[in-house]
Amino acid sequence: MATHTSDLLAAAAPGTVAVLRQITDDQLDLPTPCRDYRVRDLINHLYEVVVNFQTLARRSPVTWADKPDYLTEGWRDRFAAETRRLVEAWSEPASEQGVSPGMGMPQQVVGAMALLDLTVHGWDLAVATGQPYGAAAEVLPALHELAGQLGPTARQMGVFAEAVPVEAGPPDLPRLLGMTGRDPAWSPVG
């Protein structure tokens, strides 16, 4: 990746943070494009990603077994703060070097995985709650590369659903969504 992970995370974070800030309590039980996830479940997952990938940036292992409920008083502000910490953690030069002891893959790939979750789940939550979402254009080429690289394994592991055909074009959000098994035309009403 030619651009530092922290720069890409810094570009992607504001859009996703803005979406989460606008989610109201009465929207927490709405469906999302992620099968088996309601809005609250997906926020908790994304929160866990933002927190755990700070640790992974420091080249330390994490546990995904704990499933805390992050949606307690002040969660929107805490999510914004944790997202800033994520960007800071990946700004350390060592964060992109070598192989992740916690994930067994290159650190640059691990950082790109955090970027993918921040971007794609930002869209998931926006569309589920009726908000507009525009991915930062500068992150899309790296995410297309990552989704192409990890796609087959991610589908085998159930992380991505089967790819959804989307008209080919320059790296754009609808094509990325299709690569990750999402229908860019998804709507909560059917």
C-alpha atoms as a PDB file:
ATOM      1  CA  MET A   1       0.000   0.000   0.000  1.00  0.00           C
ATOM      2  CA  ALA A   2       1.586   3.266  -1.089  1.00  0.00           C
ATOM      3  CA  THR A   3      -0.391   5.389   1.373  1.00  0.00           C
ATOM      4  CA  HIS A   4      -0.079   4.891   5.108  1.00  0.00           C
ATOM      5  CA  THR A   5      -2.930   3.024   6.714  1.00  0.00           C
ATOM      6  CA  SER A   6      -3.436   5.860   9.188  1.00  0.00           C
ATOM      7  CA  ASP A   7      -4.003   8.338   6.322  1.00  0.00           C
ATOM      8  CA  LEU A   8      -6.651   6.085   4.794  1.00  0.00           C
ATOM      9  CA  LEU A   9      -8.310   5.491   8.165  1.00  0.00           C
ATOM     10  CA  ALA A  10      -8.301   9.252   8.811  1.00  0.00           C
ATOM     11  CA  ALA A  11     -10.035   9.776   5.452  1.00  0.00           C
ATOM     12  CA  ALA A  12     -12.664   7.072   6.082  1.00  0.00           C
ATOM     13  CA  ALA A  13     -13.395   7.722   9.754  1.00  0.00           C
ATOM     14  CA  PRO A  14     -15.359  11.004   9.591  1.00  0.00           C
ATOM     15  CA  GLY A  15     -18.064   9.594   7.321  1.00  0.00           C
ATOM     16  CA  THR A  16     -18.642   6.544   9.494  1.00  0.00           C
ATOM     17  CA  VAL A  17     -18.485   8.507  12.752  1.00  0.00           C
ATOM     18  CA  ALA A  18     -21.070  10.933  11.327  1.00  0.00           C
ATOM     19  CA  VAL A  19     -23.401   8.038  10.465  1.00  0.00           C
ATOM     20  CA  LEU A  20     -23.166   6.561  13.964  1.00  0.00           C
ATOM     21  CA  ARG A  21     -23.771   9.951  15.587  1.00  0.00           C
ATOM     22  CA  GLN A  22     -27.089  10.222  13.711  1.00  0.00           C
ATOM     23  CA  ILE A  23     -28.421   6.775  14.659  1.00  0.00           C
ATOM     24  CA  THR A  24     -31.282   7.178  17.101  1.00  0.00           C
ATOM     25  CA  ASP A  25     -32.164   4.736  19.852  1.00  0.00           C
ATOM     26  CA  ASP A  26     -35.380   3.770  18.062  1.00  0.00           C
ATOM     27  CA  GLN A  27     -33.318   2.618  15.055  1.00  0.00           C
ATOM     28  CA  LEU A  28     -31.185   0.105  16.968  1.00  0.00           C
ATOM     29  CA  ASP A  29     -33.422  -2.866  16.129  1.00  0.00           C
ATOM     30  CA  LEU A  30     -33.662  -2.183  12.384  1.00  0.00           C
ATOM     31  CA  PRO A  31     -32.281  -4.793   9.954  1.00  0.00           C
ATOM     32  CA  THR A  32     -28.994  -4.218   8.120  1.00  0.00           C
ATOM     33  CA  PRO A  33     -27.507  -5.589   4.898  1.00  0.00           C
ATOM     34  CA  CYS A  34     -25.441  -7.944   7.096  1.00  0.00           C
ATOM     35  CA  ARG A  35     -27.610 -10.993   7.544  1.00  0.00           C
ATOM     36  CA  ASP A  36     -28.257 -11.833  11.185  1.00  0.00           C
ATOM     37  CA  TYR A  37     -27.213  -8.335  12.330  1.00  0.00           C
ATOM     38  CA  ARG A  38     -29.557  -5.645  13.574  1.00  0.00           C
ATOM     39  CA  VAL A  39     -28.238  -2.090  13.777  1.00  0.00           C
ATOM     40  CA  ARG A  40     -27.250  -2.548  17.446  1.00  0.00           C
ATOM     41  CA  ASP A  41     -25.359  -5.770  16.660  1.00  0.00           C
ATOM     42  CA  LEU A  42     -23.467  -4.163  13.812  1.00  0.00           C
ATOM     43  CA  ILE A  43     -22.542  -1.108  15.896  1.00  0.00           C
ATOM     44  CA  ASN A  44     -21.227  -3.413  18.624  1.00  0.00           C
ATOM     45  CA  HIS A  45     -19.237  -5.360  16.014  1.00  0.00           C
ATOM     46  CA  LEU A  46     -17.785  -2.211  14.459  1.00  0.00           C
ATOM     47  CA  TYR A  47     -16.970  -0.828  17.911  1.00  0.00           C
ATOM     48  CA  GLU A  48     -15.146  -4.072  18.727  1.00  0.00           C
ATOM     49  CA  VAL A  49     -13.200  -3.790  15.444  1.00  0.00           C
ATOM     50  CA  VAL A  50     -12.186  -0.202  16.200  1.00  0.00           C
ATOM     51  CA  VAL A  51     -10.997  -1.151  19.703  1.00  0.00           C
ATOM     52  CA  ASN A  52      -9.293  -4.455  18.823  1.00  0.00           C
ATOM     53  CA  PHE A  53      -7.505  -3.122  15.768  1.00  0.00           C
ATOM     54  CA  GLN A  54      -5.807  -0.527  17.985  1.00  0.00           C
ATOM     55  CA  THR A  55      -4.218  -3.451  19.810  1.00  0.00           C
ATOM     56  CA  LEU A  56      -3.389  -5.201  16.542  1.00  0.00           C
ATOM     57  CA  ALA A  57      -1.615  -2.033  15.361  1.00  0.00           C
ATOM     58  CA  ARG A  58       0.669  -2.432  18.376  1.00  0.00           C
ATOM     59  CA  ARG A  59       1.389  -5.976  17.164  1.00  0.00           C
ATOM     60  CA  SER A  60      -0.360  -7.606  20.128  1.00  0.00           C
ATOM     61  CA  PRO A  61      -2.939 -10.383  19.968  1.00  0.00           C
ATOM     62  CA  VAL A  62      -6.586  -9.749  20.758  1.00  0.00           C
ATOM     63  CA  THR A  63      -9.502 -11.888  21.785  1.00  0.00           C
ATOM     64  CA  TRP A  64     -12.695 -11.797  19.769  1.00  0.00           C
ATOM     65  CA  ALA A  65     -14.506 -14.045  22.261  1.00  0.00           C
ATOM     66  CA  ASP A  66     -15.627 -11.210  24.546  1.00  0.00           C
ATOM     67  CA  LYS A  67     -18.721  -9.538  23.160  1.00  0.00           C
ATOM     68  CA  PRO A  68     -19.260  -6.476  25.348  1.00  0.00           C
ATOM     69  CA  ASP A  69     -22.239  -4.229  24.838  1.00  0.00           C
ATOM     70  CA  TYR A  70     -20.690  -0.909  23.859  1.00  0.00           C
ATOM     71  CA  LEU A  71     -24.068   0.794  23.536  1.00  0.00           C
ATOM     72  CA  THR A  72     -24.116   2.323  26.982  1.00  0.00           C
ATOM     73  CA  GLU A  73     -24.433   6.000  27.956  1.00  0.00           C
ATOM     74  CA  GLY A  74     -22.335   8.207  25.677  1.00  0.00           C
ATOM     75  CA  TRP A  75     -21.512   5.475  23.146  1.00  0.00           C
ATOM     76  CA  ARG A  76     -21.564   7.847  20.153  1.00  0.00           C
ATOM     77  CA  ASP A  77     -18.878  10.104  21.639  1.00  0.00           C
ATOM     78  CA  ARG A  78     -16.856   7.109  22.825  1.00  0.00           C
ATOM     79  CA  PHE A  79     -17.004   5.602  19.325  1.00  0.00           C
ATOM     80  CA  ALA A  80     -15.629   8.845  17.878  1.00  0.00           C
ATOM     81  CA  ALA A  81     -12.829   8.859  20.469  1.00  0.00           C
ATOM     82  CA  GLU A  82     -11.966   5.191  19.868  1.00  0.00           C
ATOM     83  CA  THR A  83     -11.900   5.828  16.120  1.00  0.00           C
ATOM     84  CA  ARG A  84      -9.397   8.660  16.669  1.00  0.00           C
ATOM     85  CA  ARG A  85      -7.300   6.247  18.757  1.00  0.00           C
ATOM     86  CA  LEU A  86      -7.464   3.729  15.909  1.00  0.00           C
ATOM     87  CA  VAL A  87      -6.028   6.287  13.476  1.00  0.00           C
ATOM     88  CA  GLU A  88      -3.324   7.226  16.004  1.00  0.00           C
ATOM     89  CA  ALA A  89      -2.385   3.586  16.614  1.00  0.00           C
ATOM     90  CA  TRP A  90      -1.883   2.971  12.902  1.00  0.00           C
ATOM     91  CA  SER A  91       0.174   6.152  12.535  1.00  0.00           C
ATOM     92  CA  GLU A  92       3.065   4.517  14.391  1.00  0.00           C
ATOM     93  CA  PRO A  93       5.649   3.366  11.786  1.00  0.00           C
ATOM     94  CA  ALA A  94       5.981  -0.108  13.343  1.00  0.00           C
ATOM     95  CA  SER A  95       2.245  -0.727  12.930  1.00  0.00           C
ATOM     96  CA  GLU A  96       2.699  -1.518   9.234  1.00  0.00           C
ATOM     97  CA  GLN A  97       5.828  -3.643   9.517  1.00  0.00           C
ATOM     98  CA  GLY A  98       6.121  -7.403   9.518  1.00  0.00           C
ATOM     99  CA  VAL A  99       3.529 -10.039  10.225  1.00  0.00           C
ATOM    100  CA  SER A 100       0.780  -9.630  12.803  1.00  0.00           C
ATOM    101  CA  PRO A 101       1.287 -12.037  15.706  1.00  0.00           C
ATOM    102  CA  GLY A 102      -2.454 -11.797  16.391  1.00  0.00           C
ATOM    103  CA  MET A 103      -3.667 -12.415  12.835  1.00  0.00           C
ATOM    104  CA  GLY A 104      -0.802 -14.231  11.077  1.00  0.00           C
ATOM    105  CA  MET A 105      -0.834 -11.936   8.049  1.00  0.00           C
ATOM    106  CA  PRO A 106       1.107  -8.840   7.026  1.00  0.00           C
ATOM    107  CA  GLN A 107       0.412  -5.836   9.239  1.00  0.00           C
ATOM    108  CA  GLN A 108      -0.502  -3.739   6.186  1.00  0.00           C
ATOM    109  CA  VAL A 109      -3.263  -6.234   5.352  1.00  0.00           C
ATOM    110  CA  VAL A 110      -4.500  -6.135   8.955  1.00  0.00           C
ATOM    111  CA  GLY A 111      -4.707  -2.348   8.837  1.00  0.00           C
ATOM    112  CA  ALA A 112      -6.562  -2.515   5.532  1.00  0.00           C
ATOM    113  CA  MET A 113      -9.057  -4.913   7.126  1.00  0.00           C
ATOM    114  CA  ALA A 114      -9.894  -2.249   9.728  1.00  0.00           C
ATOM    115  CA  LEU A 115     -10.316   0.227   6.886  1.00  0.00           C
ATOM    116  CA  LEU A 116     -12.633  -2.179   5.069  1.00  0.00           C
ATOM    117  CA  ASP A 117     -14.843  -2.661   8.122  1.00  0.00           C
ATOM    118  CA  LEU A 118     -14.969   1.066   8.833  1.00  0.00           C
ATOM    119  CA  THR A 119     -15.994   1.814   5.245  1.00  0.00           C
ATOM    120  CA  VAL A 120     -18.353  -1.040   4.420  1.00  0.00           C
ATOM    121  CA  HIS A 121     -20.067  -1.120   7.812  1.00  0.00           C
ATOM    122  CA  GLY A 122     -20.392   2.659   7.611  1.00  0.00           C
ATOM    123  CA  TRP A 123     -22.433   2.087   4.455  1.00  0.00           C
ATOM    124  CA  ASP A 124     -24.354  -0.800   6.057  1.00  0.00           C
ATOM    125  CA  LEU A 125     -25.408   1.375   8.977  1.00  0.00           C
ATOM    126  CA  ALA A 126     -26.194   4.383   6.794  1.00  0.00           C
ATOM    127  CA  VAL A 127     -28.468   2.463   4.436  1.00  0.00           C
ATOM    128  CA  ALA A 128     -30.128   0.642   7.334  1.00  0.00           C
ATOM    129  CA  THR A 129     -30.994   3.945   9.022  1.00  0.00           C
ATOM    130  CA  GLY A 130     -31.874   5.958   5.917  1.00  0.00           C
ATOM    131  CA  GLN A 131     -28.770   8.135   5.853  1.00  0.00           C
ATOM    132  CA  PRO A 132     -26.612   9.163   2.905  1.00  0.00           C
ATOM    133  CA  TYR A 133     -23.098   7.731   2.772  1.00  0.00           C
ATOM    134  CA  GLY A 134     -20.199   8.539   0.546  1.00  0.00           C
ATOM    135  CA  ALA A 135     -17.002   6.583   1.000  1.00  0.00           C
ATOM    136  CA  ALA A 136     -13.799   8.587   0.885  1.00  0.00           C
ATOM    137  CA  ALA A 137     -12.620   8.231  -2.719  1.00  0.00           C
ATOM    138  CA  GLU A 138      -8.973   7.803  -1.742  1.00  0.00           C
ATOM    139  CA  VAL A 139      -9.680   4.597   0.209  1.00  0.00           C
ATOM    140  CA  LEU A 140     -11.488   2.743  -2.575  1.00  0.00           C
ATOM    141  CA  PRO A 141      -8.493   1.569  -4.674  1.00  0.00           C
ATOM    142  CA  ALA A 142      -6.842  -0.022  -1.614  1.00  0.00           C
ATOM    143  CA  LEU A 143     -10.136  -1.622  -0.555  1.00  0.00           C
ATOM    144  CA  HIS A 144     -10.804  -3.049  -4.015  1.00  0.00           C
ATOM    145  CA  GLU A 145      -7.341  -4.586  -3.951  1.00  0.00           C
ATOM    146  CA  LEU A 146      -7.920  -6.029  -0.472  1.00  0.00           C
ATOM    147  CA  ALA A 147     -11.399  -7.396  -1.287  1.00  0.00           C
ATOM    148  CA  GLY A 148     -10.000  -9.038  -4.412  1.00  0.00           C
ATOM    149  CA  GLN A 149      -7.136 -10.548  -2.443  1.00  0.00           C
ATOM    150  CA  LEU A 150      -9.158 -11.788   0.533  1.00  0.00           C
ATOM    151  CA  GLY A 151     -12.469 -12.483  -1.220  1.00  0.00           C
ATOM    152  CA  PRO A 152     -12.198 -16.235  -1.839  1.00  0.00           C
ATOM    153  CA  THR A 153     -11.025 -17.004   1.699  1.00  0.00           C
ATOM    154  CA  ALA A 154     -13.482 -14.533   3.235  1.00  0.00           C
ATOM    155  CA  ARG A 155     -16.355 -16.222   1.385  1.00  0.00           C
ATOM    156  CA  GLN A 156     -15.204 -19.680   2.530  1.00  0.00           C
ATOM    157  CA  MET A 157     -15.090 -18.441   6.121  1.00  0.00           C
ATOM    158  CA  GLY A 158     -18.506 -16.761   5.875  1.00  0.00           C
ATOM    159  CA  VAL A 159     -17.063 -13.265   6.374  1.00  0.00           C
ATOM    160  CA  PHE A 160     -18.213 -12.205   2.888  1.00  0.00           C
ATOM    161  CA  ALA A 161     -21.373 -13.480   1.251  1.00  0.00           C
ATOM    162  CA  GLU A 162     -21.237 -14.566  -2.385  1.00  0.00           C
ATOM    163  CA  ALA A 163     -20.229 -11.674  -4.627  1.00  0.00           C
ATOM    164  CA  VAL A 164     -23.083  -9.624  -6.076  1.00  0.00           C
ATOM    165  CA  PRO A 165     -22.529  -8.722  -9.727  1.00  0.00           C
ATOM    166  CA  VAL A 166     -22.189  -4.965 -10.140  1.00  0.00           C
ATOM    167  CA  GLU A 167     -21.410  -3.138 -13.339  1.00  0.00           C
ATOM    168  CA  ALA A 168     -17.631  -2.932 -13.720  1.00  0.00           C
ATOM    169  CA  GLY A 169     -16.015   0.461 -13.615  1.00  0.00           C
ATOM    170  CA  PRO A 170     -13.397   2.396 -11.738  1.00  0.00           C
ATOM    171  CA  PRO A 171     -12.982   1.530  -8.089  1.00  0.00           C
ATOM    172  CA  ASP A 172     -16.198   2.771  -6.592  1.00  0.00           C
ATOM    173  CA  LEU A 173     -18.315   1.989  -3.562  1.00  0.00           C
ATOM    174  CA  PRO A 174     -21.053  -0.047  -5.323  1.00  0.00           C
ATOM    175  CA  ARG A 175     -18.461  -2.362  -6.859  1.00  0.00           C
ATOM    176  CA  LEU A 176     -16.721  -2.772  -3.488  1.00  0.00           C
ATOM    177  CA  LEU A 177     -20.039  -3.591  -1.845  1.00  0.00           C
ATOM    178  CA  GLY A 178     -20.716  -6.222  -4.492  1.00  0.00           C
ATOM    179  CA  MET A 179     -17.276  -7.744  -3.924  1.00  0.00           C
ATOM    180  CA  THR A 180     -18.086  -8.132  -0.225  1.00  0.00           C
ATOM    181  CA  GLY A 181     -21.423  -9.812  -0.961  1.00  0.00           C
ATOM    182  CA  ARG A 182     -23.682  -6.804  -0.559  1.00  0.00           C
ATOM    183  CA  ASP A 183     -26.353  -5.629  -2.932  1.00  0.00           C
ATOM    184  CA  PRO A 184     -25.739  -1.881  -3.401  1.00  0.00           C
ATOM    185  CA  ALA A 185     -29.507  -1.490  -3.949  1.00  0.00           C
ATOM    186  CA  TRP A 186     -30.342  -3.072  -0.556  1.00  0.00           C
ATOM    187  CA  SER A 187     -33.205  -1.446   1.292  1.00  0.00           C
ATOM    188  CA  PRO A 188     -34.554  -2.216   4.762  1.00  0.00           C
ATOM    189  CA  VAL A 189     -38.067  -2.491   3.301  1.00  0.00           C
ATOM    190  CA  GLY A 190     -37.278  -5.265   0.918  1.00  0.00           C
END
